[in-house]
Amino acid sequence: MIWTNGYIQWKLTPESAVFDEDGIPIRQEETWSEFIECGYEDTTTLTAKSRENSDYKQQQLSVRVKLQEPKERLRIYDKGKQLLGEFVVTRVNQYSYIAETHLICSR
């Protein structure tokens, strides 16, 4: 059972490219999945030096959702559906025996 404190939306990519009558690709609108309940935790611990020699942190979140096939990008929302940010999935662990997918996401 996942302790839920927010939602995610997967960024959906089109199944195939769409072309106009001249064979030029048509830019397709960005689409997102329905809201999916999740449990997330801020696991930001990485501190590094930028080129300007100032400290910065790369935000990293740990997200748990019901078992599903993950995508590359997602949006994370709090329980009130306020957007926290758009993240890239950097690591995926699927646990079929407890029906959960564990994602590490960063931006």
N, C-alpha and C. Protein backbone atom coordinates (compact mmCIF):
# COMPACT_ATOMS: atom_id res chain seq x y z
N MET A 1 0.84 -1.19 0.00
CA MET A 1 0.00 0.00 0.00
C MET A 1 0.89 1.24 0.00
N ILE A 2 0.54 2.18 -0.84
CA ILE A 2 1.31 3.40 -0.99
C ILE A 2 0.68 4.52 -0.16
N TRP A 3 1.50 5.15 0.65
CA TRP A 3 1.03 6.33 1.39
C TRP A 3 1.03 7.47 0.39
N THR A 4 -0.15 8.00 0.06
CA THR A 4 -0.25 9.01 -0.99
C THR A 4 -0.24 10.42 -0.42
N ASN A 5 0.56 11.26 -1.04
CA ASN A 5 0.60 12.67 -0.66
C ASN A 5 0.65 13.57 -1.89
N GLY A 6 0.36 12.98 -3.06
CA GLY A 6 0.37 13.78 -4.27
C GLY A 6 -0.06 12.99 -5.48
N TYR A 7 0.24 13.57 -6.64
CA TYR A 7 -0.16 12.99 -7.91
C TYR A 7 0.98 13.16 -8.91
N ILE A 8 0.97 12.31 -9.93
CA ILE A 8 1.86 12.50 -11.07
C ILE A 8 1.03 12.51 -12.34
N GLN A 9 1.62 13.05 -13.38
CA GLN A 9 1.09 12.95 -14.74
C GLN A 9 2.27 12.58 -15.62
N TRP A 10 2.12 11.55 -16.43
CA TRP A 10 3.15 11.15 -17.38
C TRP A 10 3.06 12.02 -18.63
N LYS A 11 4.20 12.40 -19.18
CA LYS A 11 4.22 13.07 -20.47
C LYS A 11 4.04 11.99 -21.53
N LEU A 12 3.02 12.15 -22.36
CA LEU A 12 2.70 11.16 -23.37
C LEU A 12 3.32 11.55 -24.71
N THR A 13 3.90 10.59 -25.37
CA THR A 13 4.47 10.84 -26.69
C THR A 13 3.56 10.19 -27.72
N PRO A 14 3.42 10.82 -28.87
CA PRO A 14 2.54 10.25 -29.90
C PRO A 14 3.07 8.90 -30.39
N GLU A 15 2.15 8.04 -30.80
CA GLU A 15 2.51 6.71 -31.30
C GLU A 15 3.35 6.81 -32.57
N SER A 16 3.01 7.76 -33.44
CA SER A 16 3.76 7.93 -34.68
C SER A 16 3.73 9.40 -35.09
N ALA A 17 4.65 9.76 -35.96
CA ALA A 17 4.73 11.14 -36.43
C ALA A 17 3.58 11.44 -37.39
N VAL A 18 3.19 12.70 -37.44
CA VAL A 18 2.14 13.15 -38.36
C VAL A 18 2.79 14.11 -39.36
N PHE A 19 2.49 13.92 -40.63
CA PHE A 19 3.08 14.73 -41.69
C PHE A 19 2.00 15.44 -42.49
N ASP A 20 2.35 16.63 -43.01
CA ASP A 20 1.40 17.32 -43.88
C ASP A 20 1.51 16.74 -45.30
N GLU A 21 0.76 17.31 -46.26
CA GLU A 21 0.72 16.74 -47.61
C GLU A 21 2.06 16.84 -48.34
N ASP A 22 2.97 17.72 -47.86
CA ASP A 22 4.30 17.84 -48.46
C ASP A 22 5.34 16.94 -47.77
N GLY A 23 4.91 16.16 -46.80
CA GLY A 23 5.82 15.27 -46.11
C GLY A 23 6.60 15.93 -44.99
N ILE A 24 6.20 17.14 -44.61
CA ILE A 24 6.88 17.86 -43.52
C ILE A 24 6.20 17.48 -42.20
N PRO A 25 7.00 17.13 -41.18
CA PRO A 25 6.40 16.76 -39.89
C PRO A 25 5.62 17.91 -39.27
N ILE A 26 4.48 17.58 -38.70
CA ILE A 26 3.63 18.56 -38.02
C ILE A 26 3.92 18.45 -36.52
N ARG A 27 4.23 19.59 -35.91
CA ARG A 27 4.49 19.60 -34.46
C ARG A 27 3.19 19.28 -33.73
N GLN A 28 3.27 18.29 -32.85
CA GLN A 28 2.09 17.88 -32.10
C GLN A 28 2.10 18.52 -30.72
N GLU A 29 0.92 18.80 -30.22
CA GLU A 29 0.77 19.41 -28.91
C GLU A 29 1.22 18.44 -27.82
N GLU A 30 1.77 19.01 -26.77
CA GLU A 30 2.19 18.24 -25.61
C GLU A 30 0.95 17.71 -24.90
N THR A 31 0.95 16.42 -24.57
CA THR A 31 -0.19 15.87 -23.85
C THR A 31 0.30 15.15 -22.60
N TRP A 32 -0.57 15.11 -21.61
CA TRP A 32 -0.24 14.52 -20.31
C TRP A 32 -1.33 13.53 -19.91
N SER A 33 -0.95 12.53 -19.16
CA SER A 33 -1.90 11.51 -18.69
C SER A 33 -2.86 12.11 -17.66
N GLU A 34 -3.81 11.29 -17.26
CA GLU A 34 -4.69 11.65 -16.15
C GLU A 34 -3.85 11.70 -14.86
N PHE A 35 -4.40 12.29 -13.80
CA PHE A 35 -3.72 12.31 -12.52
C PHE A 35 -3.65 10.90 -11.95
N ILE A 36 -2.48 10.52 -11.45
CA ILE A 36 -2.26 9.21 -10.83
C ILE A 36 -1.76 9.46 -9.41
N GLU A 37 -2.42 8.86 -8.43
CA GLU A 37 -1.99 9.04 -7.04
C GLU A 37 -0.59 8.48 -6.84
N CYS A 38 0.18 9.16 -6.00
CA CYS A 38 1.55 8.71 -5.73
C CYS A 38 1.95 9.12 -4.31
N GLY A 39 3.05 8.57 -3.88
CA GLY A 39 3.71 9.02 -2.66
C GLY A 39 5.06 9.54 -3.08
N TYR A 40 5.41 10.76 -2.70
CA TYR A 40 6.70 11.31 -3.09
C TYR A 40 7.43 11.84 -1.85
N GLU A 41 8.74 11.88 -1.98
CA GLU A 41 9.59 12.37 -0.90
C GLU A 41 10.77 13.10 -1.53
N ASP A 42 11.09 14.28 -1.02
CA ASP A 42 12.23 15.03 -1.52
C ASP A 42 13.50 14.39 -0.97
N THR A 43 14.35 13.91 -1.86
CA THR A 43 15.59 13.25 -1.45
C THR A 43 16.81 14.02 -1.93
N THR A 44 16.65 15.33 -2.08
CA THR A 44 17.74 16.17 -2.55
C THR A 44 18.89 16.15 -1.54
N THR A 45 20.01 15.62 -1.96
CA THR A 45 21.20 15.61 -1.10
C THR A 45 22.45 15.98 -1.87
N LEU A 46 22.31 16.09 -3.17
CA LEU A 46 23.48 16.34 -4.01
C LEU A 46 23.82 17.83 -4.02
N THR A 47 25.02 18.16 -3.63
CA THR A 47 25.50 19.54 -3.72
C THR A 47 26.73 19.51 -4.61
N ALA A 48 26.79 20.42 -5.53
CA ALA A 48 27.92 20.45 -6.45
C ALA A 48 28.32 21.89 -6.71
N LYS A 49 29.43 22.05 -7.36
CA LYS A 49 29.91 23.39 -7.73
C LYS A 49 29.58 23.65 -9.19
N SER A 50 29.01 24.79 -9.46
CA SER A 50 28.75 25.16 -10.84
C SER A 50 30.01 25.77 -11.43
N ARG A 51 29.95 26.13 -12.69
CA ARG A 51 31.12 26.74 -13.35
C ARG A 51 31.50 28.07 -12.71
N GLU A 52 30.52 28.75 -12.14
CA GLU A 52 30.79 30.03 -11.49
C GLU A 52 31.27 29.83 -10.06
N ASN A 53 31.52 28.57 -9.67
CA ASN A 53 32.03 28.21 -8.35
C ASN A 53 31.06 28.55 -7.22
N SER A 54 29.76 28.48 -7.51
CA SER A 54 28.77 28.69 -6.46
C SER A 54 28.04 27.37 -6.21
N ASP A 55 27.58 27.18 -4.99
CA ASP A 55 26.88 25.95 -4.64
C ASP A 55 25.49 25.92 -5.24
N TYR A 56 25.05 24.75 -5.64
CA TYR A 56 23.68 24.56 -6.07
C TYR A 56 23.28 23.13 -5.76
N LYS A 57 21.98 22.91 -5.70
CA LYS A 57 21.46 21.57 -5.46
C LYS A 57 20.59 21.16 -6.62
N GLN A 58 20.75 19.92 -7.04
CA GLN A 58 19.88 19.37 -8.08
C GLN A 58 18.73 18.70 -7.33
N GLN A 59 17.51 19.18 -7.54
CA GLN A 59 16.38 18.60 -6.82
C GLN A 59 16.13 17.19 -7.29
N GLN A 60 15.95 16.31 -6.32
CA GLN A 60 15.70 14.89 -6.61
C GLN A 60 14.55 14.42 -5.74
N LEU A 61 13.61 13.69 -6.36
CA LEU A 61 12.47 13.16 -5.64
C LEU A 61 12.39 11.66 -5.81
N SER A 62 11.95 11.00 -4.77
CA SER A 62 11.65 9.57 -4.80
C SER A 62 10.14 9.46 -4.88
N VAL A 63 9.64 8.70 -5.85
CA VAL A 63 8.20 8.61 -6.09
C VAL A 63 7.78 7.14 -6.13
N ARG A 64 6.68 6.81 -5.46
CA ARG A 64 6.12 5.46 -5.51
C ARG A 64 4.71 5.53 -6.08
N VAL A 65 4.45 4.68 -7.06
CA VAL A 65 3.13 4.59 -7.69
C VAL A 65 2.76 3.13 -7.83
N LYS A 66 1.47 2.86 -8.09
CA LYS A 66 1.06 1.49 -8.38
C LYS A 66 1.81 1.01 -9.61
N LEU A 67 2.06 -0.28 -9.68
CA LEU A 67 2.87 -0.88 -10.74
C LEU A 67 2.37 -0.47 -12.11
N GLN A 68 3.26 0.10 -12.92
CA GLN A 68 2.93 0.53 -14.27
C GLN A 68 4.20 0.74 -15.07
N GLU A 69 4.03 0.86 -16.37
CA GLU A 69 5.17 1.09 -17.26
C GLU A 69 5.52 2.58 -17.23
N PRO A 70 6.71 2.93 -16.76
CA PRO A 70 7.05 4.35 -16.65
C PRO A 70 7.40 5.00 -17.98
N LYS A 71 7.28 6.30 -18.02
CA LYS A 71 7.68 7.11 -19.16
C LYS A 71 8.95 7.89 -18.77
N GLU A 72 9.46 8.72 -19.68
CA GLU A 72 10.71 9.45 -19.42
C GLU A 72 10.52 10.70 -18.57
N ARG A 73 9.39 11.38 -18.74
CA ARG A 73 9.16 12.65 -18.04
C ARG A 73 7.83 12.60 -17.31
N LEU A 74 7.78 13.35 -16.20
CA LEU A 74 6.53 13.43 -15.45
C LEU A 74 6.43 14.76 -14.73
N ARG A 75 5.21 15.10 -14.39
CA ARG A 75 4.94 16.25 -13.54
C ARG A 75 4.51 15.72 -12.19
N ILE A 76 4.95 16.39 -11.13
CA ILE A 76 4.57 15.98 -9.78
C ILE A 76 3.76 17.11 -9.16
N TYR A 77 2.64 16.72 -8.53
CA TYR A 77 1.72 17.66 -7.89
C TYR A 77 1.57 17.28 -6.43
N ASP A 78 1.27 18.29 -5.59
CA ASP A 78 0.97 17.98 -4.20
C ASP A 78 -0.47 17.50 -4.08
N LYS A 79 -0.91 17.22 -2.86
CA LYS A 79 -2.25 16.66 -2.64
C LYS A 79 -3.36 17.60 -3.14
N GLY A 80 -3.09 18.91 -3.14
CA GLY A 80 -4.06 19.89 -3.64
C GLY A 80 -3.96 20.12 -5.14
N LYS A 81 -3.17 19.28 -5.83
CA LYS A 81 -2.94 19.36 -7.27
C LYS A 81 -2.27 20.64 -7.72
N GLN A 82 -1.40 21.17 -6.84
CA GLN A 82 -0.55 22.31 -7.20
C GLN A 82 0.75 21.75 -7.76
N LEU A 83 1.14 22.21 -8.94
CA LEU A 83 2.32 21.70 -9.62
C LEU A 83 3.58 21.98 -8.81
N LEU A 84 4.37 20.93 -8.56
CA LEU A 84 5.66 21.06 -7.89
C LEU A 84 6.79 21.16 -8.90
N GLY A 85 6.59 20.59 -10.09
CA GLY A 85 7.61 20.69 -11.11
C GLY A 85 7.55 19.56 -12.11
N GLU A 86 8.33 19.72 -13.17
CA GLU A 86 8.45 18.70 -14.21
C GLU A 86 9.81 18.04 -14.02
N PHE A 87 9.83 16.72 -14.03
CA PHE A 87 11.03 15.96 -13.70
C PHE A 87 11.34 14.93 -14.78
N VAL A 88 12.60 14.53 -14.82
CA VAL A 88 13.07 13.46 -15.69
C VAL A 88 13.25 12.22 -14.80
N VAL A 89 12.76 11.09 -15.27
CA VAL A 89 12.94 9.84 -14.53
C VAL A 89 14.36 9.35 -14.77
N THR A 90 15.14 9.22 -13.69
CA THR A 90 16.53 8.80 -13.83
C THR A 90 16.77 7.35 -13.43
N ARG A 91 15.88 6.79 -12.64
CA ARG A 91 16.01 5.38 -12.24
C ARG A 91 14.63 4.80 -11.95
N VAL A 92 14.44 3.54 -12.34
CA VAL A 92 13.17 2.86 -12.15
C VAL A 92 13.42 1.51 -11.50
N ASN A 93 12.68 1.22 -10.44
CA ASN A 93 12.67 -0.11 -9.82
C ASN A 93 11.23 -0.58 -9.77
N GLN A 94 10.95 -1.71 -10.38
CA GLN A 94 9.59 -2.25 -10.36
C GLN A 94 9.54 -3.46 -9.43
N TYR A 95 8.59 -3.42 -8.51
CA TYR A 95 8.42 -4.49 -7.53
C TYR A 95 7.07 -5.14 -7.76
N SER A 96 7.03 -6.16 -8.61
CA SER A 96 5.77 -6.80 -8.96
C SER A 96 5.14 -7.51 -7.77
N TYR A 97 5.94 -7.99 -6.84
CA TYR A 97 5.40 -8.72 -5.69
C TYR A 97 4.63 -7.82 -4.72
N ILE A 98 4.85 -6.51 -4.78
CA ILE A 98 4.02 -5.59 -3.99
C ILE A 98 3.27 -4.60 -4.88
N ALA A 99 3.33 -4.83 -6.20
CA ALA A 99 2.61 -4.03 -7.20
C ALA A 99 2.94 -2.54 -7.11
N GLU A 100 4.24 -2.22 -7.00
CA GLU A 100 4.68 -0.83 -6.95
C GLU A 100 5.80 -0.58 -7.94
N THR A 101 5.85 0.66 -8.42
CA THR A 101 6.96 1.15 -9.21
C THR A 101 7.61 2.27 -8.41
N HIS A 102 8.91 2.18 -8.20
CA HIS A 102 9.65 3.20 -7.47
C HIS A 102 10.50 3.97 -8.46
N LEU A 103 10.34 5.30 -8.49
CA LEU A 103 11.03 6.15 -9.44
C LEU A 103 11.95 7.13 -8.72
N ILE A 104 13.12 7.36 -9.26
CA ILE A 104 13.97 8.45 -8.81
C ILE A 104 13.93 9.48 -9.94
N CYS A 105 13.56 10.71 -9.59
CA CYS A 105 13.36 11.76 -10.59
C CYS A 105 14.20 12.98 -10.21
N SER A 106 14.69 13.67 -11.22
CA SER A 106 15.46 14.88 -10.95
C SER A 106 15.13 15.96 -11.97
N ARG A 107 15.50 17.18 -11.62
CA ARG A 107 15.36 18.30 -12.55
C ARG A 107 16.48 19.27 -12.35
